[in-house]
Amino acid sequence: MSIHLVIFDLDGTLIDSRQDLANAVNATRAHLGLGPLNNERVYSYVGHGAPELIRRSLGKAATDAEISSGTKFFLAHYRAHVLDCTTLYPGVKGSLEHLHDAGKRMAVLTNKPEDMSRAIVEGLGVAGYFFRVYGGDSLETRKPDPLGAEALMKEAGSTRAATVMVGDSSVDVLTARNAGIACCAVTYGFQPETLADPAPDLLVDQMEQVVEWILSRP
């Protein structure tokens, strides 16, 4: 069956937001009197939402109060700096245009807060390609729970067989599996090492290859 709906993850899939996230995490640690973390370590914590990012970034010794305070500081700092260094990955804008021209419905499903996600896609000039942007605070649950994917399928009038999730980590693969839809994953994102198990249906090095796969479906 041909693909009708394409659901994209945001960080590590459409956008390279690593530096801004690392900067915000280390600003939070400094606020709490802690030293900075290596950027690569911060990147490995991304994907499960801000509270989990801060919990991991502060370490096992952090109290619930410190995690709560740190999360609030992080969100405020990051919200003010979401586009300092963040860019679209190479080939993303052209790929979205190609899918749009082919009549595909597209949406974003991320665990980043919705207001920040919207600000980013608007600031990078790609908001018009998506009929919906769902963040980690848009619904009752977040990825890898399938609720977001199921809501998008309902809104787009798409079936499971005609829907694909595109992401960069095991969180996205698990989301697709839980929703009963296909999954394409990119190797250039934040956590390619997590894509071995569970494995996606398609693993590619460039977004253009995702487009080729989608448009090659009968």
N, C-alpha and C. Protein backbone atom coordinates (compact mmCIF):
# COMPACT_ATOMS: atom_id res chain seq x y z
N MET A 1 0.84 -1.20 0.00
CA MET A 1 0.00 0.00 0.00
C MET A 1 0.87 1.25 0.00
N SER A 2 0.45 2.26 -0.73
CA SER A 2 1.21 3.51 -0.75
C SER A 2 1.09 4.23 0.59
N ILE A 3 2.08 5.06 0.89
CA ILE A 3 2.11 5.80 2.15
C ILE A 3 1.30 7.09 2.01
N HIS A 4 0.39 7.31 2.95
CA HIS A 4 -0.44 8.51 2.97
C HIS A 4 0.07 9.50 4.01
N LEU A 5 0.52 8.99 5.17
CA LEU A 5 0.91 9.85 6.28
C LEU A 5 2.35 9.55 6.70
N VAL A 6 3.15 10.61 6.83
CA VAL A 6 4.52 10.50 7.30
C VAL A 6 4.64 11.28 8.61
N ILE A 7 4.99 10.58 9.69
CA ILE A 7 5.14 11.18 11.01
C ILE A 7 6.63 11.31 11.32
N PHE A 8 7.09 12.53 11.52
CA PHE A 8 8.51 12.78 11.76
C PHE A 8 8.80 13.07 13.23
N ASP A 9 9.85 12.47 13.74
CA ASP A 9 10.47 12.93 14.97
C ASP A 9 11.13 14.28 14.64
N LEU A 10 11.52 15.03 15.67
CA LEU A 10 12.10 16.35 15.42
C LEU A 10 13.62 16.36 15.65
N ASP A 11 14.05 16.31 16.91
CA ASP A 11 15.47 16.37 17.23
C ASP A 11 16.21 15.13 16.71
N GLY A 12 17.28 15.36 15.97
CA GLY A 12 18.05 14.24 15.46
C GLY A 12 17.52 13.66 14.17
N THR A 13 16.34 14.11 13.75
CA THR A 13 15.72 13.62 12.52
C THR A 13 15.56 14.74 11.50
N LEU A 14 14.84 15.77 11.88
CA LEU A 14 14.67 16.94 11.02
C LEU A 14 15.67 18.04 11.36
N ILE A 15 15.96 18.18 12.65
CA ILE A 15 16.81 19.29 13.09
C ILE A 15 18.02 18.81 13.89
N ASP A 16 19.12 19.54 13.72
CA ASP A 16 20.32 19.32 14.53
C ASP A 16 20.29 20.37 15.64
N SER A 17 19.79 19.97 16.78
CA SER A 17 19.62 20.88 17.93
C SER A 17 20.60 20.55 19.04
N ARG A 18 21.60 19.74 18.74
CA ARG A 18 22.49 19.22 19.78
C ARG A 18 23.18 20.31 20.59
N GLN A 19 23.74 21.31 19.91
CA GLN A 19 24.51 22.32 20.64
C GLN A 19 23.62 23.14 21.57
N ASP A 20 22.44 23.52 21.09
CA ASP A 20 21.53 24.31 21.94
C ASP A 20 21.07 23.50 23.15
N LEU A 21 20.81 22.20 22.96
CA LEU A 21 20.42 21.35 24.08
C LEU A 21 21.55 21.20 25.09
N ALA A 22 22.75 20.95 24.58
CA ALA A 22 23.90 20.81 25.48
C ALA A 22 24.17 22.10 26.24
N ASN A 23 24.05 23.23 25.55
CA ASN A 23 24.24 24.52 26.21
C ASN A 23 23.23 24.74 27.33
N ALA A 24 21.97 24.38 27.07
CA ALA A 24 20.92 24.56 28.07
C ALA A 24 21.11 23.62 29.26
N VAL A 25 21.51 22.40 28.98
CA VAL A 25 21.77 21.45 30.07
C VAL A 25 22.92 21.95 30.94
N ASN A 26 23.99 22.40 30.33
CA ASN A 26 25.14 22.85 31.12
C ASN A 26 24.87 24.18 31.83
N ALA A 27 24.00 25.00 31.26
CA ALA A 27 23.57 26.20 31.97
C ALA A 27 22.78 25.80 33.22
N THR A 28 21.97 24.75 33.09
CA THR A 28 21.19 24.26 34.23
C THR A 28 22.12 23.70 35.31
N ARG A 29 23.11 22.93 34.90
CA ARG A 29 24.06 22.39 35.88
C ARG A 29 24.81 23.52 36.59
N ALA A 30 25.20 24.53 35.83
CA ALA A 30 25.90 25.67 36.44
C ALA A 30 24.99 26.38 37.45
N HIS A 31 23.71 26.51 37.09
CA HIS A 31 22.73 27.14 37.98
C HIS A 31 22.62 26.40 39.31
N LEU A 32 22.84 25.08 39.25
CA LEU A 32 22.75 24.25 40.45
C LEU A 32 24.11 23.98 41.09
N GLY A 33 25.14 24.71 40.60
CA GLY A 33 26.46 24.59 41.20
C GLY A 33 27.26 23.40 40.75
N LEU A 34 26.94 22.86 39.57
CA LEU A 34 27.63 21.70 39.04
C LEU A 34 28.46 22.07 37.82
N GLY A 35 29.48 21.28 37.53
CA GLY A 35 30.32 21.52 36.37
C GLY A 35 29.66 21.01 35.10
N PRO A 36 30.20 21.37 33.94
CA PRO A 36 29.60 20.98 32.66
C PRO A 36 29.83 19.51 32.32
N LEU A 37 28.92 18.97 31.50
CA LEU A 37 29.06 17.63 30.96
C LEU A 37 29.60 17.71 29.54
N ASN A 38 30.27 16.67 29.11
CA ASN A 38 30.69 16.55 27.72
C ASN A 38 29.47 16.55 26.83
N ASN A 39 29.51 17.26 25.71
CA ASN A 39 28.36 17.36 24.82
C ASN A 39 27.84 16.00 24.38
N GLU A 40 28.74 15.08 24.05
CA GLU A 40 28.30 13.77 23.58
C GLU A 40 27.48 13.04 24.63
N ARG A 41 27.83 13.24 25.88
CA ARG A 41 27.07 12.62 26.96
C ARG A 41 25.67 13.19 27.03
N VAL A 42 25.55 14.49 26.87
CA VAL A 42 24.22 15.12 26.87
C VAL A 42 23.38 14.58 25.72
N TYR A 43 23.99 14.46 24.54
CA TYR A 43 23.25 13.98 23.38
C TYR A 43 22.65 12.59 23.64
N SER A 44 23.37 11.76 24.38
CA SER A 44 22.90 10.40 24.64
C SER A 44 21.68 10.37 25.56
N TYR A 45 21.39 11.48 26.24
CA TYR A 45 20.27 11.55 27.15
C TYR A 45 18.99 12.09 26.50
N VAL A 46 19.11 12.58 25.26
CA VAL A 46 17.98 13.23 24.59
C VAL A 46 17.00 12.20 24.04
N GLY A 47 15.71 12.54 24.04
CA GLY A 47 14.72 11.70 23.38
C GLY A 47 13.54 11.31 24.22
N HIS A 48 13.66 11.47 25.55
CA HIS A 48 12.59 11.03 26.44
C HIS A 48 11.85 12.21 27.10
N GLY A 49 12.14 13.43 26.67
CA GLY A 49 11.51 14.60 27.26
C GLY A 49 12.42 15.32 28.25
N ALA A 50 12.07 16.57 28.55
CA ALA A 50 12.92 17.42 29.39
C ALA A 50 13.14 16.88 30.80
N PRO A 51 12.11 16.42 31.52
CA PRO A 51 12.35 15.93 32.88
C PRO A 51 13.35 14.78 32.93
N GLU A 52 13.25 13.85 31.97
CA GLU A 52 14.17 12.72 31.94
C GLU A 52 15.58 13.19 31.54
N LEU A 53 15.66 14.14 30.62
CA LEU A 53 16.95 14.69 30.23
C LEU A 53 17.66 15.31 31.43
N ILE A 54 16.93 16.07 32.21
CA ILE A 54 17.53 16.72 33.38
C ILE A 54 17.84 15.70 34.47
N ARG A 55 16.98 14.72 34.66
CA ARG A 55 17.25 13.69 35.66
C ARG A 55 18.57 12.98 35.35
N ARG A 56 18.74 12.60 34.09
CA ARG A 56 19.98 11.92 33.70
C ARG A 56 21.18 12.86 33.77
N SER A 57 20.96 14.11 33.38
CA SER A 57 22.08 15.07 33.36
C SER A 57 22.56 15.45 34.75
N LEU A 58 21.66 15.40 35.75
CA LEU A 58 22.04 15.74 37.11
C LEU A 58 22.62 14.55 37.87
N GLY A 59 22.34 13.34 37.40
CA GLY A 59 22.92 12.15 38.02
C GLY A 59 22.05 11.54 39.11
N LYS A 60 22.46 10.38 39.56
CA LYS A 60 21.67 9.60 40.52
C LYS A 60 21.55 10.28 41.88
N ALA A 61 22.49 11.16 42.20
CA ALA A 61 22.46 11.81 43.52
C ALA A 61 21.46 12.96 43.59
N ALA A 62 20.91 13.37 42.47
CA ALA A 62 19.98 14.51 42.45
C ALA A 62 18.68 14.17 43.15
N THR A 63 18.19 15.11 43.93
CA THR A 63 16.91 14.92 44.62
C THR A 63 15.75 15.28 43.69
N ASP A 64 14.55 14.89 44.08
CA ASP A 64 13.37 15.23 43.29
C ASP A 64 13.22 16.75 43.18
N ALA A 65 13.53 17.45 44.27
CA ALA A 65 13.42 18.92 44.25
C ALA A 65 14.42 19.53 43.28
N GLU A 66 15.63 18.99 43.24
CA GLU A 66 16.65 19.48 42.31
C GLU A 66 16.27 19.20 40.87
N ILE A 67 15.70 18.03 40.62
CA ILE A 67 15.27 17.69 39.26
C ILE A 67 14.13 18.61 38.82
N SER A 68 13.19 18.87 39.72
CA SER A 68 12.07 19.76 39.40
C SER A 68 12.56 21.18 39.14
N SER A 69 13.41 21.68 40.02
CA SER A 69 13.96 23.03 39.85
C SER A 69 14.81 23.12 38.59
N GLY A 70 15.61 22.07 38.36
CA GLY A 70 16.47 22.05 37.18
C GLY A 70 15.68 22.02 35.90
N THR A 71 14.59 21.25 35.90
CA THR A 71 13.75 21.16 34.70
C THR A 71 13.13 22.51 34.37
N LYS A 72 12.65 23.21 35.39
CA LYS A 72 12.06 24.54 35.17
C LYS A 72 13.09 25.51 34.61
N PHE A 73 14.28 25.49 35.17
CA PHE A 73 15.34 26.38 34.69
C PHE A 73 15.72 26.02 33.27
N PHE A 74 15.89 24.72 33.01
CA PHE A 74 16.26 24.26 31.67
C PHE A 74 15.26 24.72 30.63
N LEU A 75 13.96 24.51 30.90
CA LEU A 75 12.93 24.87 29.93
C LEU A 75 12.93 26.37 29.65
N ALA A 76 13.09 27.17 30.69
CA ALA A 76 13.11 28.62 30.51
C ALA A 76 14.33 29.05 29.70
N HIS A 77 15.47 28.48 30.02
CA HIS A 77 16.71 28.83 29.30
C HIS A 77 16.64 28.36 27.85
N TYR A 78 16.23 27.12 27.68
CA TYR A 78 16.20 26.56 26.33
C TYR A 78 15.17 27.27 25.45
N ARG A 79 14.03 27.62 26.04
CA ARG A 79 12.99 28.32 25.28
C ARG A 79 13.51 29.63 24.71
N ALA A 80 14.42 30.27 25.41
CA ALA A 80 14.98 31.55 24.96
C ALA A 80 16.12 31.36 23.96
N HIS A 81 16.55 30.11 23.76
CA HIS A 81 17.73 29.89 22.92
C HIS A 81 17.53 28.75 21.92
N VAL A 82 16.28 28.43 21.56
CA VAL A 82 16.02 27.25 20.73
C VAL A 82 16.60 27.34 19.33
N LEU A 83 16.87 28.55 18.87
CA LEU A 83 17.36 28.70 17.50
C LEU A 83 18.74 29.37 17.43
N ASP A 84 19.47 29.35 18.54
CA ASP A 84 20.82 29.94 18.52
C ASP A 84 21.71 29.20 17.53
N CYS A 85 21.74 27.89 17.61
CA CYS A 85 22.62 27.08 16.76
C CYS A 85 21.86 26.03 15.96
N THR A 86 20.59 25.84 16.23
CA THR A 86 19.81 24.76 15.62
C THR A 86 19.55 25.01 14.14
N THR A 87 19.73 23.97 13.34
CA THR A 87 19.51 24.04 11.89
C THR A 87 18.80 22.79 11.40
N LEU A 88 18.26 22.86 10.20
CA LEU A 88 17.75 21.66 9.54
C LEU A 88 18.94 20.83 9.08
N TYR A 89 18.79 19.52 9.12
CA TYR A 89 19.83 18.67 8.56
C TYR A 89 19.85 18.83 7.04
N PRO A 90 20.98 18.56 6.41
CA PRO A 90 21.06 18.64 4.95
C PRO A 90 20.02 17.75 4.29
N GLY A 91 19.36 18.30 3.28
CA GLY A 91 18.38 17.53 2.52
C GLY A 91 16.99 17.50 3.08
N VAL A 92 16.80 18.01 4.30
CA VAL A 92 15.49 17.91 4.94
C VAL A 92 14.45 18.79 4.24
N LYS A 93 14.79 20.07 4.00
CA LYS A 93 13.79 20.96 3.41
C LYS A 93 13.37 20.48 2.02
N GLY A 94 14.34 20.07 1.21
CA GLY A 94 14.01 19.56 -0.12
C GLY A 94 13.18 18.30 -0.06
N SER A 95 13.45 17.46 0.92
CA SER A 95 12.69 16.22 1.07
C SER A 95 11.25 16.50 1.48
N LEU A 96 11.06 17.45 2.38
CA LEU A 96 9.70 17.82 2.78
C LEU A 96 8.93 18.40 1.58
N GLU A 97 9.61 19.21 0.80
CA GLU A 97 8.98 19.78 -0.40
C GLU A 97 8.58 18.68 -1.38
N HIS A 98 9.45 17.69 -1.55
CA HIS A 98 9.17 16.59 -2.46
C HIS A 98 7.95 15.79 -2.01
N LEU A 99 7.90 15.49 -0.73
CA LEU A 99 6.76 14.74 -0.20
C LEU A 99 5.47 15.56 -0.28
N HIS A 100 5.58 16.85 -0.02
CA HIS A 100 4.42 17.73 -0.11
C HIS A 100 3.88 17.75 -1.54
N ASP A 101 4.78 17.86 -2.50
CA ASP A 101 4.38 17.89 -3.90
C ASP A 101 3.75 16.58 -4.33
N ALA A 102 4.13 15.48 -3.65
CA ALA A 102 3.57 14.17 -3.97
C ALA A 102 2.24 13.92 -3.26
N GLY A 103 1.78 14.90 -2.51
CA GLY A 103 0.47 14.79 -1.86
C GLY A 103 0.46 14.06 -0.54
N LYS A 104 1.62 13.89 0.09
CA LYS A 104 1.68 13.18 1.37
C LYS A 104 1.30 14.12 2.52
N ARG A 105 0.57 13.58 3.49
CA ARG A 105 0.30 14.34 4.72
C ARG A 105 1.49 14.15 5.64
N MET A 106 1.89 15.21 6.34
CA MET A 106 3.05 15.15 7.22
C MET A 106 2.77 15.80 8.56
N ALA A 107 3.35 15.23 9.61
CA ALA A 107 3.18 15.75 10.96
C ALA A 107 4.46 15.53 11.74
N VAL A 108 4.60 16.26 12.84
CA VAL A 108 5.73 16.10 13.76
C VAL A 108 5.21 15.51 15.05
N LEU A 109 5.91 14.48 15.55
CA LEU A 109 5.60 13.88 16.85
C LEU A 109 6.90 13.79 17.63
N THR A 110 7.03 14.65 18.64
CA THR A 110 8.27 14.76 19.41
C THR A 110 7.96 14.76 20.90
N ASN A 111 8.95 14.46 21.71
CA ASN A 111 8.78 14.57 23.16
C ASN A 111 9.21 15.93 23.68
N LYS A 112 9.67 16.80 22.80
CA LYS A 112 9.97 18.19 23.16
C LYS A 112 8.64 18.92 23.37
N PRO A 113 8.56 19.90 24.29
CA PRO A 113 7.31 20.64 24.47
C PRO A 113 6.79 21.23 23.16
N GLU A 114 5.47 21.26 23.03
CA GLU A 114 4.86 21.67 21.76
C GLU A 114 5.20 23.10 21.38
N ASP A 115 5.18 24.03 22.35
CA ASP A 115 5.44 25.43 21.98
C ASP A 115 6.84 25.62 21.42
N MET A 116 7.82 24.93 22.00
CA MET A 116 9.19 25.02 21.48
C MET A 116 9.29 24.39 20.10
N SER A 117 8.63 23.25 19.94
CA SER A 117 8.67 22.55 18.66
C SER A 117 8.08 23.40 17.55
N ARG A 118 6.97 24.05 17.83
CA ARG A 118 6.34 24.93 16.84
C ARG A 118 7.25 26.12 16.53
N ALA A 119 7.85 26.70 17.57
CA ALA A 119 8.74 27.84 17.35
C ALA A 119 9.91 27.46 16.46
N ILE A 120 10.41 26.25 16.62
CA ILE A 120 11.56 25.81 15.83
C ILE A 120 11.18 25.60 14.37
N VAL A 121 10.10 24.85 14.11
CA VAL A 121 9.75 24.60 12.71
C VAL A 121 9.31 25.88 12.01
N GLU A 122 8.70 26.79 12.77
CA GLU A 122 8.34 28.08 12.19
C GLU A 122 9.60 28.90 11.91
N GLY A 123 10.51 28.93 12.87
CA GLY A 123 11.73 29.71 12.70
C GLY A 123 12.62 29.20 11.58
N LEU A 124 12.56 27.90 11.32
CA LEU A 124 13.38 27.31 10.26
C LEU A 124 12.64 27.25 8.92
N GLY A 125 11.43 27.78 8.88
CA GLY A 125 10.70 27.92 7.63
C GLY A 125 10.06 26.67 7.07
N VAL A 126 9.76 25.69 7.94
CA VAL A 126 9.15 24.44 7.44
C VAL A 126 7.81 24.13 8.08
N ALA A 127 7.27 25.03 8.87
CA ALA A 127 6.00 24.77 9.56
C ALA A 127 4.86 24.46 8.60
N GLY A 128 4.89 25.09 7.43
CA GLY A 128 3.81 24.93 6.47
C GLY A 128 3.67 23.54 5.89
N TYR A 129 4.67 22.70 6.07
CA TYR A 129 4.60 21.34 5.54
C TYR A 129 3.81 20.40 6.45
N PHE A 130 3.59 20.80 7.71
CA PHE A 130 2.99 19.90 8.69
C PHE A 130 1.57 20.34 9.05
N PHE A 131 0.64 19.38 9.00
CA PHE A 131 -0.73 19.72 9.40
C PHE A 131 -0.88 19.70 10.92
N ARG A 132 0.08 19.08 11.61
CA ARG A 132 0.01 19.05 13.07
C ARG A 132 1.42 18.88 13.64
N VAL A 133 1.69 19.55 14.77
CA VAL A 133 2.92 19.36 15.52
C VAL A 133 2.51 18.99 16.94
N TYR A 134 2.78 17.75 17.32
CA TYR A 134 2.49 17.28 18.67
C TYR A 134 3.78 17.17 19.46
N GLY A 135 3.79 17.76 20.67
CA GLY A 135 4.93 17.67 21.55
C GLY A 135 4.67 16.72 22.70
N GLY A 136 5.64 16.62 23.59
CA GLY A 136 5.50 15.72 24.72
C GLY A 136 4.43 16.11 25.70
N ASP A 137 3.99 17.37 25.63
CA ASP A 137 2.93 17.84 26.53
C ASP A 137 1.60 18.05 25.81
N SER A 138 1.48 17.57 24.58
CA SER A 138 0.25 17.79 23.81
C SER A 138 -0.86 16.83 24.20
N LEU A 139 -0.48 15.62 24.59
CA LEU A 139 -1.45 14.57 24.90
C LEU A 139 -1.15 14.00 26.29
N GLU A 140 -1.94 13.01 26.69
CA GLU A 140 -1.77 12.45 28.03
C GLU A 140 -0.48 11.67 28.19
N THR A 141 0.02 11.12 27.09
CA THR A 141 1.25 10.32 27.13
C THR A 141 2.20 10.79 26.04
N ARG A 142 3.43 10.34 26.10
CA ARG A 142 4.43 10.71 25.10
C ARG A 142 5.07 9.45 24.52
N LYS A 143 5.83 9.61 23.47
CA LYS A 143 6.53 8.47 22.87
C LYS A 143 7.39 7.77 23.94
N PRO A 144 7.46 6.43 23.91
CA PRO A 144 7.01 5.51 22.86
C PRO A 144 5.56 5.03 22.95
N ASP A 145 4.76 5.65 23.82
CA ASP A 145 3.33 5.32 23.81
C ASP A 145 2.76 5.67 22.44
N PRO A 146 1.86 4.85 21.90
CA PRO A 146 1.36 5.07 20.54
C PRO A 146 0.27 6.12 20.42
N LEU A 147 -0.16 6.74 21.52
CA LEU A 147 -1.30 7.66 21.48
C LEU A 147 -1.13 8.76 20.45
N GLY A 148 0.06 9.37 20.40
CA GLY A 148 0.28 10.47 19.46
C GLY A 148 0.17 10.02 18.02
N ALA A 149 0.78 8.89 17.70
CA ALA A 149 0.72 8.37 16.33
C ALA A 149 -0.71 8.01 15.96
N GLU A 150 -1.43 7.42 16.90
CA GLU A 150 -2.81 7.03 16.62
C GLU A 150 -3.70 8.26 16.42
N ALA A 151 -3.46 9.31 17.19
CA ALA A 151 -4.23 10.54 17.03
C ALA A 151 -3.96 11.16 15.66
N LEU A 152 -2.70 11.14 15.23
CA LEU A 152 -2.36 11.71 13.93
C LEU A 152 -2.97 10.90 12.79
N MET A 153 -2.98 9.59 12.92
CA MET A 153 -3.61 8.76 11.89
C MET A 153 -5.10 9.07 11.77
N LYS A 154 -5.74 9.24 12.91
CA LYS A 154 -7.17 9.56 12.90
C LYS A 154 -7.42 10.91 12.24
N GLU A 155 -6.60 11.91 12.59
CA GLU A 155 -6.78 13.24 12.04
C GLU A 155 -6.51 13.28 10.54
N ALA A 156 -5.54 12.48 10.09
CA ALA A 156 -5.18 12.47 8.67
C ALA A 156 -6.02 11.51 7.85
N GLY A 157 -6.86 10.72 8.52
CA GLY A 157 -7.66 9.73 7.81
C GLY A 157 -6.80 8.65 7.19
N SER A 158 -5.73 8.26 7.91
CA SER A 158 -4.80 7.27 7.39
C SER A 158 -4.92 5.96 8.15
N THR A 159 -4.60 4.86 7.48
CA THR A 159 -4.57 3.56 8.11
C THR A 159 -3.17 3.27 8.62
N ARG A 160 -3.04 2.21 9.42
CA ARG A 160 -1.72 1.81 9.91
C ARG A 160 -0.82 1.43 8.74
N ALA A 161 -1.38 0.72 7.77
CA ALA A 161 -0.59 0.26 6.63
C ALA A 161 -0.11 1.41 5.75
N ALA A 162 -0.77 2.55 5.84
CA ALA A 162 -0.43 3.70 4.99
C ALA A 162 0.30 4.79 5.76
N THR A 163 0.84 4.43 6.93
CA THR A 163 1.52 5.41 7.79
C THR A 163 2.93 4.94 8.09
N VAL A 164 3.86 5.87 8.15
CA VAL A 164 5.24 5.55 8.50
C VAL A 164 5.78 6.57 9.50
N MET A 165 6.56 6.09 10.46
CA MET A 165 7.25 6.95 11.42
C MET A 165 8.70 7.09 10.99
N VAL A 166 9.23 8.32 11.01
CA VAL A 166 10.62 8.57 10.66
C VAL A 166 11.32 9.15 11.87
N GLY A 167 12.37 8.46 12.35
CA GLY A 167 13.05 8.94 13.55
C GLY A 167 14.52 8.60 13.55
N ASP A 168 15.15 8.79 14.72
CA ASP A 168 16.60 8.57 14.81
C ASP A 168 17.01 7.71 15.99
N SER A 169 16.04 7.18 16.76
CA SER A 169 16.42 6.42 17.95
C SER A 169 15.43 5.29 18.22
N SER A 170 15.77 4.49 19.21
CA SER A 170 14.90 3.37 19.59
C SER A 170 13.55 3.86 20.09
N VAL A 171 13.48 5.08 20.61
CA VAL A 171 12.19 5.63 21.06
C VAL A 171 11.22 5.69 19.88
N ASP A 172 11.72 6.11 18.73
CA ASP A 172 10.87 6.22 17.55
C ASP A 172 10.50 4.84 16.99
N VAL A 173 11.45 3.92 17.02
CA VAL A 173 11.15 2.57 16.54
C VAL A 173 10.10 1.93 17.43
N LEU A 174 10.24 2.07 18.73
CA LEU A 174 9.26 1.51 19.67
C LEU A 174 7.89 2.16 19.50
N THR A 175 7.89 3.46 19.25
CA THR A 175 6.62 4.16 19.00
C THR A 175 5.91 3.55 17.80
N ALA A 176 6.67 3.34 16.73
CA ALA A 176 6.10 2.74 15.52
C ALA A 176 5.60 1.33 15.80
N ARG A 177 6.41 0.54 16.50
CA ARG A 177 6.00 -0.83 16.80
C ARG A 177 4.72 -0.85 17.64
N ASN A 178 4.67 0.02 18.64
CA ASN A 178 3.49 0.08 19.52
C ASN A 178 2.24 0.52 18.78
N ALA A 179 2.44 1.34 17.72
CA ALA A 179 1.31 1.84 16.93
C ALA A 179 0.97 0.91 15.77
N GLY A 180 1.82 -0.08 15.52
CA GLY A 180 1.58 -1.00 14.41
C GLY A 180 1.82 -0.40 13.05
N ILE A 181 2.82 0.50 12.97
CA ILE A 181 3.12 1.16 11.70
C ILE A 181 4.59 0.93 11.34
N ALA A 182 4.94 1.19 10.09
CA ALA A 182 6.32 1.03 9.63
C ALA A 182 7.20 2.14 10.21
N CYS A 183 8.51 1.85 10.25
CA CYS A 183 9.45 2.84 10.77
C CYS A 183 10.68 2.94 9.89
N CYS A 184 11.04 4.17 9.52
CA CYS A 184 12.31 4.46 8.86
C CYS A 184 13.17 5.21 9.87
N ALA A 185 14.46 4.88 9.92
CA ALA A 185 15.35 5.57 10.85
C ALA A 185 16.58 6.07 10.11
N VAL A 186 17.09 7.22 10.59
CA VAL A 186 18.27 7.83 9.99
C VAL A 186 19.47 7.63 10.90
N THR A 187 20.64 7.43 10.29
CA THR A 187 21.85 7.15 11.06
C THR A 187 22.59 8.40 11.51
N TYR A 188 22.19 9.57 11.01
CA TYR A 188 22.94 10.79 11.30
C TYR A 188 22.48 11.49 12.58
N GLY A 189 21.50 10.92 13.27
CA GLY A 189 20.91 11.58 14.42
C GLY A 189 21.69 11.44 15.71
N PHE A 190 20.97 11.61 16.83
CA PHE A 190 21.60 11.64 18.14
C PHE A 190 22.02 10.26 18.65
N GLN A 191 21.22 9.23 18.36
CA GLN A 191 21.45 7.93 18.98
C GLN A 191 21.40 6.77 17.99
N PRO A 192 22.25 6.78 16.96
CA PRO A 192 22.22 5.67 15.99
C PRO A 192 22.56 4.33 16.62
N GLU A 193 23.30 4.37 17.74
CA GLU A 193 23.68 3.12 18.39
C GLU A 193 22.49 2.37 18.98
N THR A 194 21.36 3.05 19.14
CA THR A 194 20.17 2.40 19.71
C THR A 194 19.31 1.72 18.66
N LEU A 195 19.69 1.82 17.40
CA LEU A 195 18.84 1.34 16.31
C LEU A 195 19.06 -0.12 15.94
N ALA A 196 19.92 -0.82 16.68
CA ALA A 196 20.16 -2.24 16.38
C ALA A 196 19.03 -3.11 16.93
N ASP A 197 18.49 -2.74 18.08
CA ASP A 197 17.44 -3.53 18.72
C ASP A 197 16.55 -2.62 19.55
N PRO A 198 15.31 -2.42 19.16
CA PRO A 198 14.67 -2.98 17.96
C PRO A 198 15.13 -2.26 16.69
N ALA A 199 15.19 -3.00 15.61
CA ALA A 199 15.63 -2.43 14.34
C ALA A 199 14.46 -1.84 13.57
N PRO A 200 14.67 -0.75 12.86
CA PRO A 200 13.61 -0.17 12.02
C PRO A 200 13.40 -1.00 10.76
N ASP A 201 12.34 -0.72 10.04
CA ASP A 201 12.10 -1.41 8.77
C ASP A 201 13.07 -0.95 7.70
N LEU A 202 13.52 0.30 7.82
CA LEU A 202 14.48 0.86 6.87
C LEU A 202 15.45 1.74 7.62
N LEU A 203 16.76 1.55 7.38
CA LEU A 203 17.79 2.35 8.01
C LEU A 203 18.59 3.04 6.91
N VAL A 204 18.63 4.37 6.95
CA VAL A 204 19.26 5.12 5.86
C VAL A 204 20.22 6.17 6.41
N ASP A 205 21.07 6.68 5.54
CA ASP A 205 22.06 7.69 5.92
C ASP A 205 21.63 9.11 5.57
N GLN A 206 20.62 9.24 4.70
CA GLN A 206 20.17 10.56 4.25
C GLN A 206 18.65 10.59 4.18
N MET A 207 18.08 11.78 4.45
CA MET A 207 16.62 11.92 4.39
C MET A 207 16.09 11.67 2.99
N GLU A 208 16.87 11.99 1.98
CA GLU A 208 16.42 11.75 0.60
C GLU A 208 16.11 10.28 0.35
N GLN A 209 16.81 9.38 1.05
CA GLN A 209 16.55 7.95 0.89
C GLN A 209 15.21 7.55 1.48
N VAL A 210 14.80 8.24 2.52
CA VAL A 210 13.46 8.01 3.09
C VAL A 210 12.40 8.37 2.05
N VAL A 211 12.60 9.52 1.41
CA VAL A 211 11.65 9.97 0.40
C VAL A 211 11.57 8.98 -0.76
N GLU A 212 12.74 8.51 -1.20
CA GLU A 212 12.76 7.53 -2.29
C GLU A 212 11.99 6.27 -1.92
N TRP A 213 12.16 5.82 -0.69
CA TRP A 213 11.45 4.61 -0.23
C TRP A 213 9.95 4.84 -0.18
N ILE A 214 9.54 5.99 0.36
CA ILE A 214 8.11 6.29 0.46
C ILE A 214 7.47 6.39 -0.91
N LEU A 215 8.13 7.08 -1.82
CA LEU A 215 7.54 7.30 -3.14
C LEU A 215 7.65 6.08 -4.04
N SER A 216 8.45 5.10 -3.64
CA SER A 216 8.57 3.87 -4.44
C SER A 216 7.49 2.86 -4.10
N ARG A 217 6.75 3.12 -3.00
CA ARG A 217 5.69 2.20 -2.62
C ARG A 217 4.60 2.23 -3.68
N PRO A 218 4.07 1.05 -4.03
CA PRO A 218 3.05 0.98 -5.10
C PRO A 218 1.79 1.75 -4.76
